[in-house]
């Protein structure tokens, strides 16, 4: 027994710590591909509760439940998980760092677009707005974003259409 176990045992936390190791093992067992749609939430009475993004994912994972239980319990010895409960909930997206890119051509295009505007203050604001949008698109595309096949908006995601067009129907 190491020092951490002694401190946990002294404070009556060892059992809770060991029971909750299933939360740490979940990401390893589920893998990164399915892990985007299912996040371990908590363990209570040896039942692991997992939040899933949809009922479809819950159904698919329920078909894999016995294998998932076996894999989890191989990694944790003293407190074995006896069941997994899949609950539809919010799955936060992992943070994707996006490097800000300045698109010089975008600014030049914006200046040409509003060159005929009589009000220089208004033209300046429109130029900043369009140039900022071009910078945003360039940054998202460089970070792995894609352009929507329907409307042309740039977004982060795996679908062929942006979230707005997907839910527009």
Protein backbone atom coordinates (compact mmCIF):
# COMPACT_ATOMS: atom_id res chain seq x y z
CA UNK A 1 0.00 0.00 0.00
CA UNK A 2 1.44 3.39 -0.98
CA UNK A 3 1.25 6.74 0.84
CA UNK A 4 -1.77 7.94 -1.15
CA UNK A 5 -3.75 4.83 -0.18
CA UNK A 6 -2.81 5.37 3.48
CA UNK A 7 -4.02 8.98 3.43
CA UNK A 8 -7.25 7.98 1.66
CA UNK A 9 -7.87 5.13 4.11
CA UNK A 10 -7.16 7.37 7.12
CA UNK A 11 -9.81 9.83 5.84
CA UNK A 12 -12.31 7.07 4.92
CA UNK A 13 -11.99 7.93 1.23
CA UNK A 14 -10.25 4.82 -0.12
CA UNK A 15 -13.46 2.96 -1.02
CA UNK A 16 -14.93 5.96 -2.84
CA UNK A 17 -11.65 6.56 -4.65
CA UNK A 18 -11.39 2.95 -5.79
CA UNK A 19 -15.03 2.87 -6.85
CA UNK A 20 -14.57 6.02 -8.95
CA UNK A 21 -11.52 4.71 -10.81
CA UNK A 22 -14.08 3.43 -13.34
CA UNK A 23 -14.51 7.07 -14.39
CA UNK A 24 -10.82 7.27 -15.25
CA UNK A 25 -10.82 3.93 -17.07
CA UNK A 26 -13.87 4.78 -19.20
CA UNK A 27 -12.01 6.95 -21.73
CA UNK A 28 -9.44 4.22 -22.27
CA UNK A 29 -12.07 1.49 -22.66
CA UNK A 30 -14.46 3.40 -24.94
CA UNK A 31 -11.76 4.89 -27.18
CA UNK A 32 -11.61 8.32 -28.77
CA UNK A 33 -14.02 7.56 -31.62
CA UNK A 34 -16.99 6.58 -29.43
CA UNK A 35 -15.78 8.79 -26.57
CA UNK A 36 -16.98 11.83 -28.48
CA UNK A 37 -20.55 10.63 -27.95
CA UNK A 38 -20.35 9.17 -24.43
CA UNK A 39 -18.83 10.60 -21.22
CA UNK A 40 -18.62 8.86 -17.85
CA UNK A 41 -20.52 10.87 -15.24
CA UNK A 42 -20.47 9.13 -11.84
CA UNK A 43 -20.44 5.80 -10.02
CA UNK A 44 -23.01 5.00 -7.36
CA UNK A 45 -23.58 1.58 -5.78
CA UNK A 46 -21.16 0.05 -8.31
CA UNK A 47 -23.28 1.33 -11.23
CA UNK A 48 -21.42 3.50 -13.74
CA UNK A 49 -23.63 6.22 -15.24
CA UNK A 50 -22.58 7.41 -18.67
CA UNK A 51 -24.03 10.43 -20.45
CA UNK A 52 -24.61 9.82 -24.16
CA UNK A 53 -25.39 12.28 -26.92
CA UNK A 54 -28.50 10.50 -28.24
CA UNK A 55 -30.82 7.54 -27.78
CA UNK A 56 -29.18 5.93 -30.80
CA UNK A 57 -25.79 6.02 -29.08
CA UNK A 58 -27.38 4.64 -25.89
CA UNK A 59 -28.83 1.74 -27.86
CA UNK A 60 -25.54 0.99 -29.65
CA UNK A 61 -23.58 1.06 -26.39
CA UNK A 62 -26.16 -1.09 -24.63
CA UNK A 63 -25.38 -3.77 -27.24
CA UNK A 64 -21.72 -3.51 -26.18
CA UNK A 65 -22.46 -3.36 -22.44
CA UNK A 66 -21.15 -6.81 -21.48
CA UNK A 67 -17.84 -6.21 -23.30
CA UNK A 68 -17.51 -2.72 -21.78
CA UNK A 69 -18.16 -4.10 -18.27
CA UNK A 70 -15.56 -6.82 -18.79
CA UNK A 71 -12.97 -4.31 -20.07
CA UNK A 72 -13.60 -1.84 -17.23
CA UNK A 73 -13.43 -4.52 -14.55
CA UNK A 74 -10.11 -5.81 -15.94
CA UNK A 75 -8.60 -2.42 -15.07
CA UNK A 76 -10.08 -2.02 -11.59
CA UNK A 77 -9.76 -4.84 -9.11
CA UNK A 78 -11.24 -4.22 -5.66
CA UNK A 79 -14.50 -2.47 -6.58
CA UNK A 80 -15.92 -3.98 -9.71
CA UNK A 81 -18.63 -2.20 -11.66
CA UNK A 82 -21.75 -4.37 -11.80
CA UNK A 83 -23.71 -2.38 -14.37
CA UNK A 84 -23.53 0.56 -16.78
CA UNK A 85 -26.44 2.94 -17.19
CA UNK A 86 -26.64 5.08 -20.33
CA UNK A 87 -28.47 8.39 -19.91
CA UNK A 88 -29.06 10.89 -22.67
CA UNK A 89 -27.43 14.16 -21.68
CA UNK A 90 -25.24 16.99 -22.77
CA UNK A 91 -21.80 16.01 -24.02
CA UNK A 92 -19.42 18.96 -23.99
CA UNK A 93 -17.26 19.18 -27.08
CA UNK A 94 -13.55 19.07 -26.50
CA UNK A 95 -11.88 22.44 -26.80
CA UNK A 96 -10.15 22.83 -30.16
CA UNK A 97 -7.51 25.54 -30.00
CA UNK A 98 -7.82 27.76 -33.06
CA UNK A 99 -4.89 29.87 -34.15
CA UNK A 100 -6.01 33.30 -35.31
CA UNK A 101 -5.04 33.86 -38.95
CA UNK A 102 -5.08 37.26 -40.60
CA UNK A 103 -6.19 37.06 -44.24
CA UNK A 104 -4.58 39.98 -46.11
CA UNK A 105 -6.59 39.20 -49.26
CA UNK A 106 -9.81 39.31 -47.26
CA UNK A 107 -9.07 42.83 -46.08
CA UNK A 108 -8.17 43.97 -49.61
CA UNK A 109 -11.39 42.42 -50.98
CA UNK A 110 -13.40 44.18 -48.28
CA UNK A 111 -11.80 47.54 -49.10
CA UNK A 112 -12.62 47.10 -52.79
CA UNK A 113 -16.18 46.04 -51.93
CA UNK A 114 -16.93 49.23 -49.98
CA UNK A 115 -14.76 51.72 -51.92
CA UNK A 116 -17.83 53.46 -53.37
CA UNK A 117 -19.47 54.14 -50.01
CA UNK A 118 -19.79 57.89 -49.36
CA UNK A 119 -19.63 57.67 -45.56
CA UNK A 120 -16.01 56.82 -44.60
CA UNK A 121 -16.99 55.90 -41.04
CA UNK A 122 -19.61 53.42 -42.26
CA UNK A 123 -17.24 52.04 -44.92
CA UNK A 124 -14.55 51.52 -42.27
CA UNK A 125 -16.95 49.55 -40.08
CA UNK A 126 -18.14 47.38 -42.96
CA UNK A 127 -14.53 46.73 -44.00
CA UNK A 128 -13.62 45.66 -40.44
CA UNK A 129 -16.70 43.41 -40.30
CA UNK A 130 -16.02 41.66 -43.62
CA UNK A 131 -12.26 41.38 -42.94
CA UNK A 132 -12.99 39.91 -39.51
CA UNK A 133 -15.33 37.35 -41.05
CA UNK A 134 -12.68 36.40 -43.64
CA UNK A 135 -10.10 36.00 -40.83
CA UNK A 136 -12.54 33.79 -38.91
CA UNK A 137 -13.14 31.58 -41.94
CA UNK A 138 -9.41 31.26 -42.65
CA UNK A 139 -8.75 30.36 -38.99
CA UNK A 140 -11.51 27.73 -38.89
CA UNK A 141 -10.39 26.17 -42.19
CA UNK A 142 -6.80 25.99 -40.92
CA UNK A 143 -8.06 24.27 -37.73
CA UNK A 144 -9.77 21.52 -39.73
CA UNK A 145 -13.11 23.19 -40.36
CA UNK A 146 -15.14 22.67 -43.48
CA UNK A 147 -17.42 24.67 -45.71
CA UNK A 148 -21.15 23.80 -45.70
CA UNK A 149 -22.32 22.28 -48.98
CA UNK A 150 -25.66 24.11 -48.77
CA UNK A 151 -24.93 27.64 -47.54
CA UNK A 152 -21.12 27.96 -47.70
CA UNK A 153 -20.63 28.77 -43.99
CA UNK A 154 -17.42 27.50 -42.39
CA UNK A 155 -17.88 25.35 -39.27
CA UNK A 156 -16.13 22.74 -37.15
CA UNK A 157 -17.67 19.28 -37.41
CA UNK A 158 -17.86 16.04 -39.34
CA UNK A 159 -21.18 16.51 -41.16
CA UNK A 160 -21.45 17.76 -44.76
CA UNK A 161 -23.79 20.56 -43.68
CA UNK A 162 -23.40 23.18 -40.96
CA UNK A 163 -25.59 22.83 -37.83
CA UNK A 164 -27.92 25.56 -39.10
CA UNK A 165 -28.67 23.78 -42.39
CA UNK A 166 -28.92 20.36 -40.73
CA UNK A 167 -31.70 21.52 -38.43
CA UNK A 168 -33.34 23.81 -40.96
CA UNK A 169 -35.53 21.10 -42.51
